[in-house]
N, C-alpha and C. Protein backbone atom coordinates (compact mmCIF):
# COMPACT_ATOMS: atom_id res chain seq x y z
N MET A 1 38.91 7.41 24.20
CA MET A 1 37.73 6.57 24.14
C MET A 1 36.56 7.42 23.63
N ALA A 2 35.82 6.87 22.71
CA ALA A 2 34.70 7.60 22.10
C ALA A 2 33.50 7.62 23.05
N MET A 3 32.81 8.73 23.03
CA MET A 3 31.59 8.89 23.83
C MET A 3 30.48 8.08 23.17
N PRO A 4 29.69 7.32 23.96
CA PRO A 4 28.60 6.56 23.35
C PRO A 4 27.58 7.50 22.72
N ARG A 5 27.11 7.12 21.55
CA ARG A 5 26.10 7.92 20.85
C ARG A 5 24.74 7.70 21.49
N LEU A 6 24.06 8.79 21.78
CA LEU A 6 22.74 8.67 22.38
C LEU A 6 21.68 8.51 21.29
N ASN A 7 20.82 7.53 21.49
CA ASN A 7 19.68 7.35 20.62
C ASN A 7 18.45 7.22 21.53
N LEU A 8 17.27 7.15 20.95
CA LEU A 8 16.06 7.12 21.76
C LEU A 8 16.04 5.94 22.75
N PRO A 9 16.41 4.73 22.35
CA PRO A 9 16.42 3.65 23.33
C PRO A 9 17.37 3.91 24.51
N THR A 10 18.52 4.49 24.23
CA THR A 10 19.48 4.79 25.30
C THR A 10 18.94 5.89 26.21
N VAL A 11 18.30 6.89 25.62
CA VAL A 11 17.70 7.97 26.43
C VAL A 11 16.61 7.39 27.33
N LEU A 12 15.81 6.46 26.82
CA LEU A 12 14.79 5.82 27.64
C LEU A 12 15.41 5.04 28.79
N THR A 13 16.50 4.34 28.51
CA THR A 13 17.21 3.61 29.56
C THR A 13 17.71 4.57 30.62
N LEU A 14 18.33 5.67 30.19
CA LEU A 14 18.83 6.67 31.14
C LEU A 14 17.69 7.31 31.93
N SER A 15 16.53 7.47 31.30
CA SER A 15 15.39 8.07 32.01
C SER A 15 14.95 7.19 33.18
N ARG A 16 15.13 5.88 33.05
CA ARG A 16 14.80 4.96 34.13
C ARG A 16 15.65 5.28 35.36
N ILE A 17 16.92 5.58 35.13
CA ILE A 17 17.81 5.93 36.23
C ILE A 17 17.45 7.31 36.80
N VAL A 18 17.13 8.24 35.93
CA VAL A 18 16.77 9.60 36.36
C VAL A 18 15.49 9.60 37.20
N LEU A 19 14.56 8.70 36.92
CA LEU A 19 13.31 8.64 37.68
C LEU A 19 13.48 8.11 39.10
N ILE A 20 14.57 7.41 39.37
CA ILE A 20 14.77 6.79 40.68
C ILE A 20 14.73 7.79 41.83
N PRO A 21 15.45 8.92 41.78
CA PRO A 21 15.37 9.86 42.91
C PRO A 21 13.95 10.39 43.15
N PHE A 22 13.18 10.61 42.09
CA PHE A 22 11.80 11.05 42.24
C PHE A 22 10.98 9.96 42.95
N PHE A 23 11.20 8.73 42.54
CA PHE A 23 10.53 7.60 43.16
C PHE A 23 10.87 7.51 44.65
N ILE A 24 12.14 7.66 44.98
CA ILE A 24 12.58 7.60 46.38
C ILE A 24 11.91 8.71 47.20
N PHE A 25 11.90 9.90 46.67
CA PHE A 25 11.36 11.05 47.38
C PHE A 25 9.84 10.94 47.58
N ILE A 26 9.14 10.43 46.60
CA ILE A 26 7.67 10.42 46.61
C ILE A 26 7.09 9.19 47.32
N MET A 27 7.78 8.07 47.30
CA MET A 27 7.20 6.83 47.80
C MET A 27 6.70 6.89 49.25
N PRO A 28 7.44 7.44 50.19
CA PRO A 28 6.95 7.38 51.58
C PRO A 28 5.58 8.03 51.81
N GLY A 29 5.30 9.14 51.17
CA GLY A 29 4.05 9.84 51.45
C GLY A 29 2.98 9.70 50.39
N HIS A 30 3.36 9.25 49.21
CA HIS A 30 2.41 9.20 48.09
C HIS A 30 2.55 7.89 47.32
N PRO A 31 2.08 6.79 47.91
CA PRO A 31 2.31 5.48 47.28
C PRO A 31 1.70 5.32 45.88
N VAL A 32 0.55 5.91 45.63
CA VAL A 32 -0.07 5.75 44.30
C VAL A 32 0.78 6.47 43.25
N LEU A 33 1.22 7.70 43.56
CA LEU A 33 2.08 8.43 42.64
C LEU A 33 3.42 7.72 42.47
N ALA A 34 3.95 7.20 43.57
CA ALA A 34 5.22 6.46 43.49
C ALA A 34 5.08 5.22 42.61
N SER A 35 3.95 4.52 42.74
CA SER A 35 3.74 3.33 41.91
C SER A 35 3.61 3.71 40.44
N LEU A 36 3.03 4.88 40.17
CA LEU A 36 2.92 5.36 38.79
C LEU A 36 4.32 5.66 38.23
N ILE A 37 5.15 6.32 39.01
CA ILE A 37 6.53 6.60 38.58
C ILE A 37 7.27 5.28 38.34
N PHE A 38 7.10 4.34 39.26
CA PHE A 38 7.75 3.03 39.12
C PHE A 38 7.28 2.33 37.84
N LEU A 39 5.98 2.38 37.57
CA LEU A 39 5.44 1.73 36.36
C LEU A 39 5.95 2.41 35.08
N ILE A 40 6.04 3.73 35.10
CA ILE A 40 6.58 4.45 33.93
C ILE A 40 8.03 4.03 33.71
N ALA A 41 8.81 3.99 34.79
CA ALA A 41 10.21 3.58 34.67
C ALA A 41 10.31 2.14 34.18
N ALA A 42 9.46 1.27 34.71
CA ALA A 42 9.47 -0.14 34.29
C ALA A 42 9.07 -0.28 32.83
N ALA A 43 8.13 0.56 32.38
CA ALA A 43 7.69 0.50 30.98
C ALA A 43 8.82 0.89 30.03
N THR A 44 9.71 1.77 30.47
CA THR A 44 10.84 2.13 29.60
C THR A 44 11.75 0.93 29.35
N ASP A 45 11.73 -0.03 30.27
CA ASP A 45 12.54 -1.23 30.09
C ASP A 45 12.06 -2.01 28.87
N PHE A 46 10.76 -2.16 28.74
CA PHE A 46 10.20 -2.84 27.57
C PHE A 46 10.42 -2.00 26.32
N LEU A 47 10.11 -0.72 26.43
CA LEU A 47 10.12 0.17 25.28
C LEU A 47 11.52 0.37 24.69
N ASP A 48 12.53 0.53 25.55
CA ASP A 48 13.88 0.77 25.02
C ASP A 48 14.39 -0.41 24.21
N GLY A 49 14.18 -1.61 24.71
CA GLY A 49 14.62 -2.79 23.98
C GLY A 49 13.85 -3.00 22.69
N TYR A 50 12.56 -2.78 22.76
CA TYR A 50 11.71 -2.93 21.57
C TYR A 50 12.15 -1.95 20.48
N LEU A 51 12.33 -0.68 20.85
CA LEU A 51 12.72 0.34 19.87
C LEU A 51 14.13 0.09 19.33
N ALA A 52 15.02 -0.35 20.21
CA ALA A 52 16.40 -0.62 19.77
C ALA A 52 16.42 -1.72 18.70
N ARG A 53 15.64 -2.77 18.92
CA ARG A 53 15.58 -3.86 17.94
C ARG A 53 14.84 -3.42 16.68
N LEU A 54 13.74 -2.70 16.84
CA LEU A 54 12.92 -2.26 15.72
C LEU A 54 13.69 -1.36 14.77
N TYR A 55 14.46 -0.43 15.31
CA TYR A 55 15.18 0.54 14.49
C TYR A 55 16.67 0.22 14.31
N GLY A 56 17.07 -0.97 14.71
CA GLY A 56 18.46 -1.37 14.55
C GLY A 56 19.42 -0.48 15.33
N GLN A 57 19.01 -0.07 16.52
CA GLN A 57 19.83 0.82 17.34
C GLN A 57 20.37 0.12 18.58
N VAL A 58 20.57 -1.17 18.49
CA VAL A 58 21.16 -1.92 19.60
C VAL A 58 22.64 -1.55 19.67
N THR A 59 23.07 -1.07 20.83
CA THR A 59 24.48 -0.67 21.02
C THR A 59 25.07 -1.44 22.18
N THR A 60 26.38 -1.52 22.21
CA THR A 60 27.06 -2.16 23.34
C THR A 60 26.75 -1.40 24.62
N PHE A 61 26.80 -0.07 24.54
CA PHE A 61 26.50 0.77 25.70
C PHE A 61 25.10 0.48 26.23
N GLY A 62 24.13 0.42 25.34
CA GLY A 62 22.75 0.13 25.74
C GLY A 62 22.60 -1.27 26.29
N THR A 63 23.30 -2.23 25.69
CA THR A 63 23.25 -3.61 26.14
C THR A 63 23.78 -3.74 27.57
N ILE A 64 24.79 -2.95 27.90
CA ILE A 64 25.36 -2.98 29.25
C ILE A 64 24.50 -2.16 30.22
N LEU A 65 24.07 -0.97 29.78
CA LEU A 65 23.35 -0.06 30.67
C LEU A 65 21.94 -0.55 31.01
N ASP A 66 21.25 -1.17 30.07
CA ASP A 66 19.86 -1.57 30.29
C ASP A 66 19.68 -2.46 31.52
N PRO A 67 20.40 -3.58 31.64
CA PRO A 67 20.18 -4.40 32.84
C PRO A 67 20.62 -3.70 34.13
N ILE A 68 21.61 -2.80 34.03
CA ILE A 68 22.04 -2.07 35.22
C ILE A 68 20.93 -1.12 35.67
N ALA A 69 20.31 -0.43 34.72
CA ALA A 69 19.19 0.46 35.05
C ALA A 69 18.04 -0.33 35.67
N ASP A 70 17.78 -1.51 35.13
CA ASP A 70 16.72 -2.37 35.68
C ASP A 70 17.02 -2.71 37.13
N LYS A 71 18.25 -3.11 37.38
CA LYS A 71 18.65 -3.51 38.73
C LYS A 71 18.55 -2.33 39.69
N PHE A 72 19.01 -1.16 39.26
CA PHE A 72 18.90 0.04 40.10
C PHE A 72 17.46 0.27 40.53
N LEU A 73 16.55 0.18 39.58
CA LEU A 73 15.14 0.45 39.86
C LEU A 73 14.56 -0.58 40.82
N VAL A 74 14.75 -1.84 40.54
CA VAL A 74 14.18 -2.90 41.38
C VAL A 74 14.82 -2.89 42.76
N ILE A 75 16.13 -2.77 42.82
CA ILE A 75 16.82 -2.76 44.11
C ILE A 75 16.37 -1.57 44.96
N THR A 76 16.23 -0.42 44.33
CA THR A 76 15.73 0.76 45.05
C THR A 76 14.36 0.48 45.65
N ALA A 77 13.46 -0.07 44.85
CA ALA A 77 12.11 -0.37 45.33
C ALA A 77 12.14 -1.37 46.48
N LEU A 78 12.95 -2.42 46.34
CA LEU A 78 13.02 -3.43 47.40
C LEU A 78 13.55 -2.84 48.70
N ILE A 79 14.59 -2.02 48.60
CA ILE A 79 15.16 -1.40 49.81
C ILE A 79 14.13 -0.48 50.47
N LEU A 80 13.40 0.29 49.68
CA LEU A 80 12.37 1.16 50.25
C LEU A 80 11.26 0.35 50.91
N LEU A 81 10.88 -0.77 50.30
CA LEU A 81 9.84 -1.62 50.89
C LEU A 81 10.32 -2.22 52.21
N VAL A 82 11.58 -2.61 52.28
CA VAL A 82 12.14 -3.13 53.53
C VAL A 82 12.21 -2.00 54.56
N ASP A 83 12.68 -0.84 54.15
CA ASP A 83 12.80 0.31 55.05
C ASP A 83 11.45 0.69 55.67
N GLN A 84 10.39 0.55 54.91
CA GLN A 84 9.06 0.90 55.41
C GLN A 84 8.38 -0.26 56.16
N GLY A 85 9.09 -1.38 56.30
CA GLY A 85 8.53 -2.51 57.03
C GLY A 85 7.48 -3.28 56.25
N ILE A 86 7.46 -3.11 54.94
CA ILE A 86 6.46 -3.76 54.09
C ILE A 86 6.95 -5.13 53.63
N LEU A 87 8.24 -5.26 53.48
CA LEU A 87 8.84 -6.48 52.94
C LEU A 87 9.94 -6.97 53.87
N SER A 88 10.03 -8.27 54.05
CA SER A 88 11.10 -8.86 54.87
C SER A 88 12.44 -8.70 54.16
N ALA A 89 13.45 -8.38 54.95
CA ALA A 89 14.79 -8.16 54.39
C ALA A 89 15.31 -9.40 53.68
N TRP A 90 15.02 -10.60 54.19
CA TRP A 90 15.58 -11.81 53.58
C TRP A 90 15.09 -12.00 52.15
N ILE A 91 13.84 -11.62 51.88
CA ILE A 91 13.31 -11.74 50.52
C ILE A 91 14.05 -10.76 49.60
N ALA A 92 14.18 -9.53 50.06
CA ALA A 92 14.88 -8.51 49.27
C ALA A 92 16.33 -8.92 49.04
N ILE A 93 16.99 -9.43 50.06
CA ILE A 93 18.40 -9.82 49.92
C ILE A 93 18.56 -10.93 48.89
N LEU A 94 17.70 -11.95 48.94
CA LEU A 94 17.80 -13.04 47.97
C LEU A 94 17.59 -12.54 46.54
N ILE A 95 16.61 -11.67 46.36
CA ILE A 95 16.36 -11.13 45.02
C ILE A 95 17.54 -10.27 44.56
N ILE A 96 18.06 -9.44 45.44
CA ILE A 96 19.19 -8.57 45.10
C ILE A 96 20.44 -9.39 44.77
N VAL A 97 20.72 -10.40 45.56
CA VAL A 97 21.89 -11.27 45.29
C VAL A 97 21.73 -11.93 43.93
N ARG A 98 20.53 -12.40 43.63
CA ARG A 98 20.28 -13.01 42.32
C ARG A 98 20.54 -12.02 41.20
N GLU A 99 20.08 -10.79 41.38
CA GLU A 99 20.27 -9.77 40.34
C GLU A 99 21.75 -9.50 40.10
N PHE A 100 22.53 -9.37 41.17
CA PHE A 100 23.97 -9.14 41.02
C PHE A 100 24.65 -10.35 40.38
N PHE A 101 24.24 -11.55 40.78
CA PHE A 101 24.84 -12.78 40.25
C PHE A 101 24.61 -12.89 38.75
N VAL A 102 23.36 -12.72 38.31
CA VAL A 102 23.04 -12.84 36.89
C VAL A 102 23.72 -11.72 36.09
N THR A 103 23.75 -10.52 36.64
CA THR A 103 24.42 -9.41 35.96
C THR A 103 25.91 -9.70 35.82
N ALA A 104 26.52 -10.25 36.85
CA ALA A 104 27.94 -10.61 36.79
C ALA A 104 28.19 -11.65 35.70
N LEU A 105 27.33 -12.65 35.61
CA LEU A 105 27.47 -13.67 34.55
C LEU A 105 27.39 -13.02 33.17
N ARG A 106 26.44 -12.12 33.01
CA ARG A 106 26.26 -11.47 31.70
C ARG A 106 27.44 -10.58 31.36
N VAL A 107 28.01 -9.89 32.35
CA VAL A 107 29.16 -9.02 32.10
C VAL A 107 30.38 -9.86 31.73
N VAL A 108 30.61 -10.95 32.44
CA VAL A 108 31.74 -11.83 32.12
C VAL A 108 31.57 -12.38 30.70
N ALA A 109 30.37 -12.82 30.37
CA ALA A 109 30.12 -13.34 29.03
C ALA A 109 30.33 -12.25 27.98
N LEU A 110 29.85 -11.04 28.26
CA LEU A 110 29.99 -9.94 27.32
C LEU A 110 31.46 -9.59 27.10
N ALA A 111 32.27 -9.71 28.16
CA ALA A 111 33.70 -9.46 28.04
C ALA A 111 34.36 -10.48 27.09
N LYS A 112 33.73 -11.61 26.94
CA LYS A 112 34.21 -12.64 26.00
C LYS A 112 33.44 -12.60 24.69
N ASN A 113 32.76 -11.47 24.44
CA ASN A 113 31.95 -11.26 23.24
C ASN A 113 30.82 -12.28 23.09
N ILE A 114 30.29 -12.71 24.22
CA ILE A 114 29.15 -13.63 24.22
C ILE A 114 27.98 -12.90 24.86
N VAL A 115 26.87 -12.85 24.15
CA VAL A 115 25.68 -12.21 24.69
C VAL A 115 24.74 -13.29 25.22
N ILE A 116 24.42 -13.18 26.50
CA ILE A 116 23.44 -14.10 27.09
C ILE A 116 22.14 -13.33 27.14
N LYS A 117 21.24 -13.69 26.25
CA LYS A 117 19.97 -12.98 26.15
C LYS A 117 19.03 -13.37 27.29
N ALA A 118 18.09 -12.49 27.53
CA ALA A 118 17.09 -12.75 28.57
C ALA A 118 16.28 -13.98 28.22
N GLU A 119 16.14 -14.84 29.18
CA GLU A 119 15.35 -16.06 29.02
C GLU A 119 13.89 -15.76 29.34
N MET A 120 12.99 -16.61 28.90
CA MET A 120 11.58 -16.43 29.21
C MET A 120 11.35 -16.43 30.72
N GLY A 121 12.08 -17.28 31.44
CA GLY A 121 11.94 -17.31 32.91
C GLY A 121 12.32 -15.99 33.53
N GLY A 122 13.36 -15.35 33.01
CA GLY A 122 13.78 -14.04 33.51
C GLY A 122 12.75 -12.97 33.20
N LYS A 123 12.15 -13.06 32.01
CA LYS A 123 11.12 -12.08 31.63
C LYS A 123 9.87 -12.25 32.49
N LEU A 124 9.49 -13.49 32.73
CA LEU A 124 8.34 -13.76 33.59
C LEU A 124 8.62 -13.30 35.02
N LYS A 125 9.84 -13.53 35.48
CA LYS A 125 10.25 -13.06 36.81
C LYS A 125 10.12 -11.56 36.90
N THR A 126 10.58 -10.85 35.88
CA THR A 126 10.53 -9.40 35.87
C THR A 126 9.09 -8.90 35.91
N ALA A 127 8.23 -9.47 35.09
CA ALA A 127 6.82 -9.04 35.06
C ALA A 127 6.15 -9.29 36.41
N THR A 128 6.41 -10.45 37.00
CA THR A 128 5.83 -10.79 38.30
C THR A 128 6.38 -9.87 39.38
N GLN A 129 7.68 -9.61 39.32
CA GLN A 129 8.34 -8.75 40.30
C GLN A 129 7.81 -7.31 40.24
N ILE A 130 7.65 -6.79 39.04
CA ILE A 130 7.14 -5.43 38.87
C ILE A 130 5.72 -5.33 39.42
N THR A 131 4.88 -6.30 39.09
CA THR A 131 3.50 -6.31 39.59
C THR A 131 3.49 -6.40 41.11
N ALA A 132 4.31 -7.29 41.66
CA ALA A 132 4.39 -7.46 43.11
C ALA A 132 4.83 -6.17 43.79
N ILE A 133 5.84 -5.52 43.25
CA ILE A 133 6.34 -4.28 43.84
C ILE A 133 5.26 -3.20 43.81
N VAL A 134 4.57 -3.08 42.69
CA VAL A 134 3.49 -2.08 42.60
C VAL A 134 2.41 -2.39 43.64
N PHE A 135 2.00 -3.64 43.75
CA PHE A 135 0.98 -4.01 44.73
C PHE A 135 1.45 -3.68 46.15
N LEU A 136 2.72 -3.96 46.44
CA LEU A 136 3.25 -3.71 47.79
C LEU A 136 3.39 -2.22 48.07
N ILE A 137 3.73 -1.46 47.05
CA ILE A 137 3.82 0.00 47.24
C ILE A 137 2.43 0.57 47.53
N ILE A 138 1.45 0.17 46.75
CA ILE A 138 0.09 0.70 46.90
C ILE A 138 -0.57 0.16 48.16
N ARG A 139 -0.39 -1.11 48.45
CA ARG A 139 -1.03 -1.80 49.56
C ARG A 139 -2.53 -1.54 49.62
N ASP A 140 -2.97 -0.60 50.43
CA ASP A 140 -4.40 -0.33 50.56
C ASP A 140 -4.76 1.10 50.15
N SER A 141 -3.89 1.74 49.41
CA SER A 141 -4.11 3.13 49.00
C SER A 141 -4.92 3.26 47.72
N PHE A 142 -5.29 2.17 47.12
CA PHE A 142 -6.01 2.21 45.85
C PHE A 142 -7.48 1.90 46.11
N PHE A 143 -8.27 2.94 46.36
CA PHE A 143 -9.70 2.82 46.63
C PHE A 143 -10.00 1.84 47.77
N GLY A 144 -9.07 1.74 48.72
CA GLY A 144 -9.28 0.88 49.88
C GLY A 144 -9.12 -0.60 49.60
N ILE A 145 -8.72 -0.96 48.38
CA ILE A 145 -8.53 -2.37 48.03
C ILE A 145 -7.20 -2.83 48.63
N ASP A 146 -7.23 -3.93 49.36
CA ASP A 146 -6.02 -4.45 50.00
C ASP A 146 -5.24 -5.30 49.00
N LEU A 147 -4.12 -4.76 48.56
CA LEU A 147 -3.27 -5.45 47.58
C LEU A 147 -2.05 -6.10 48.23
N TYR A 148 -1.92 -5.95 49.55
CA TYR A 148 -0.72 -6.45 50.24
C TYR A 148 -0.56 -7.97 50.09
N ASP A 149 -1.60 -8.72 50.41
CA ASP A 149 -1.49 -10.19 50.34
C ASP A 149 -1.17 -10.66 48.92
N SER A 150 -1.83 -10.04 47.93
CA SER A 150 -1.53 -10.39 46.53
C SER A 150 -0.09 -10.04 46.19
N GLY A 151 0.36 -8.88 46.67
CA GLY A 151 1.75 -8.47 46.44
C GLY A 151 2.74 -9.44 47.06
N MET A 152 2.45 -9.89 48.28
CA MET A 152 3.35 -10.84 48.94
C MET A 152 3.38 -12.18 48.20
N LEU A 153 2.21 -12.64 47.76
CA LEU A 153 2.16 -13.89 46.99
C LEU A 153 2.98 -13.75 45.71
N LEU A 154 2.81 -12.63 45.03
CA LEU A 154 3.56 -12.40 43.78
C LEU A 154 5.05 -12.25 44.02
N ILE A 155 5.44 -11.63 45.13
CA ILE A 155 6.88 -11.47 45.39
C ILE A 155 7.51 -12.83 45.70
N ILE A 156 6.78 -13.72 46.36
CA ILE A 156 7.28 -15.08 46.61
C ILE A 156 7.39 -15.84 45.29
N ILE A 157 6.39 -15.71 44.45
CA ILE A 157 6.45 -16.35 43.12
C ILE A 157 7.63 -15.79 42.33
N SER A 158 7.83 -14.47 42.39
CA SER A 158 8.95 -13.87 41.66
C SER A 158 10.29 -14.34 42.22
N LEU A 159 10.34 -14.58 43.54
CA LEU A 159 11.57 -15.10 44.16
C LEU A 159 11.87 -16.51 43.64
N ILE A 160 10.85 -17.33 43.55
CA ILE A 160 11.02 -18.69 43.00
C ILE A 160 11.46 -18.62 41.54
N LEU A 161 10.81 -17.74 40.77
CA LEU A 161 11.21 -17.56 39.37
C LEU A 161 12.62 -17.00 39.26
N ALA A 162 13.00 -16.13 40.19
CA ALA A 162 14.35 -15.54 40.19
C ALA A 162 15.41 -16.62 40.37
N VAL A 163 15.18 -17.49 41.33
CA VAL A 163 16.14 -18.58 41.59
C VAL A 163 16.19 -19.53 40.39
N THR A 164 15.03 -19.89 39.87
CA THR A 164 14.96 -20.79 38.72
C THR A 164 15.65 -20.19 37.50
N SER A 165 15.38 -18.92 37.22
CA SER A 165 16.02 -18.30 36.06
C SER A 165 17.52 -18.11 36.27
N ALA A 166 17.94 -17.89 37.51
CA ALA A 166 19.38 -17.79 37.79
C ALA A 166 20.08 -19.11 37.45
N VAL A 167 19.43 -20.21 37.76
CA VAL A 167 19.98 -21.52 37.41
C VAL A 167 20.05 -21.65 35.89
N GLN A 168 19.00 -21.20 35.18
CA GLN A 168 19.00 -21.26 33.71
C GLN A 168 20.13 -20.40 33.13
N TYR A 169 20.30 -19.19 33.65
CA TYR A 169 21.38 -18.32 33.18
C TYR A 169 22.74 -18.97 33.42
N THR A 170 22.90 -19.59 34.58
CA THR A 170 24.18 -20.23 34.90
C THR A 170 24.46 -21.37 33.93
N ILE A 171 23.48 -22.19 33.65
CA ILE A 171 23.64 -23.30 32.70
C ILE A 171 24.00 -22.75 31.31
N ASN A 172 23.26 -21.73 30.86
CA ASN A 172 23.57 -21.13 29.54
C ASN A 172 24.95 -20.51 29.52
N PHE A 173 25.34 -19.88 30.61
CA PHE A 173 26.67 -19.27 30.71
C PHE A 173 27.75 -20.34 30.50
N TRP A 174 27.64 -21.44 31.23
CA TRP A 174 28.67 -22.49 31.13
C TRP A 174 28.66 -23.19 29.77
N LYS A 175 27.50 -23.29 29.16
CA LYS A 175 27.43 -23.88 27.82
C LYS A 175 28.13 -23.00 26.79
N LYS A 176 27.98 -21.68 26.94
CA LYS A 176 28.55 -20.76 25.95
C LYS A 176 30.02 -20.44 26.21
N ILE A 177 30.44 -20.57 27.44
CA ILE A 177 31.84 -20.31 27.77
C ILE A 177 32.62 -21.55 27.44
């Protein structure tokens, strides 16, 4: 089996995974720095896909690895938020189950040479989720501004968007299969 060729988009995707241990280590004592690491990692999600399309470097390896790296990052953040008592476990569990479900649909479709692209609902969910996670990580560490309530509102909105987009992915999956 041939080794996947590394290109800049793939390196950016891998960097998202590499940043996770730093995020885990820093989050408990340094929420602002942890949120910065999380935002940098989240930004690589946009950047890797953009560069891959721009330079024609979309690869099967990158197509598979990108959503996995995204899930690793978000799931890590959710687990840490639950561990610190910032987020209810049921919210994290529902979001995590949705992520595994949609990823499973995409993998099954990919095995049949069908690509299920990200829907606008999924992209909106991701943006809302990232913002919510950053707000929840920072809480009141940003110049004394209380971001917790805004973070909770956004995480509930992202949960609603997550369920809605999961339904959209399921419908698209069955249409294409």
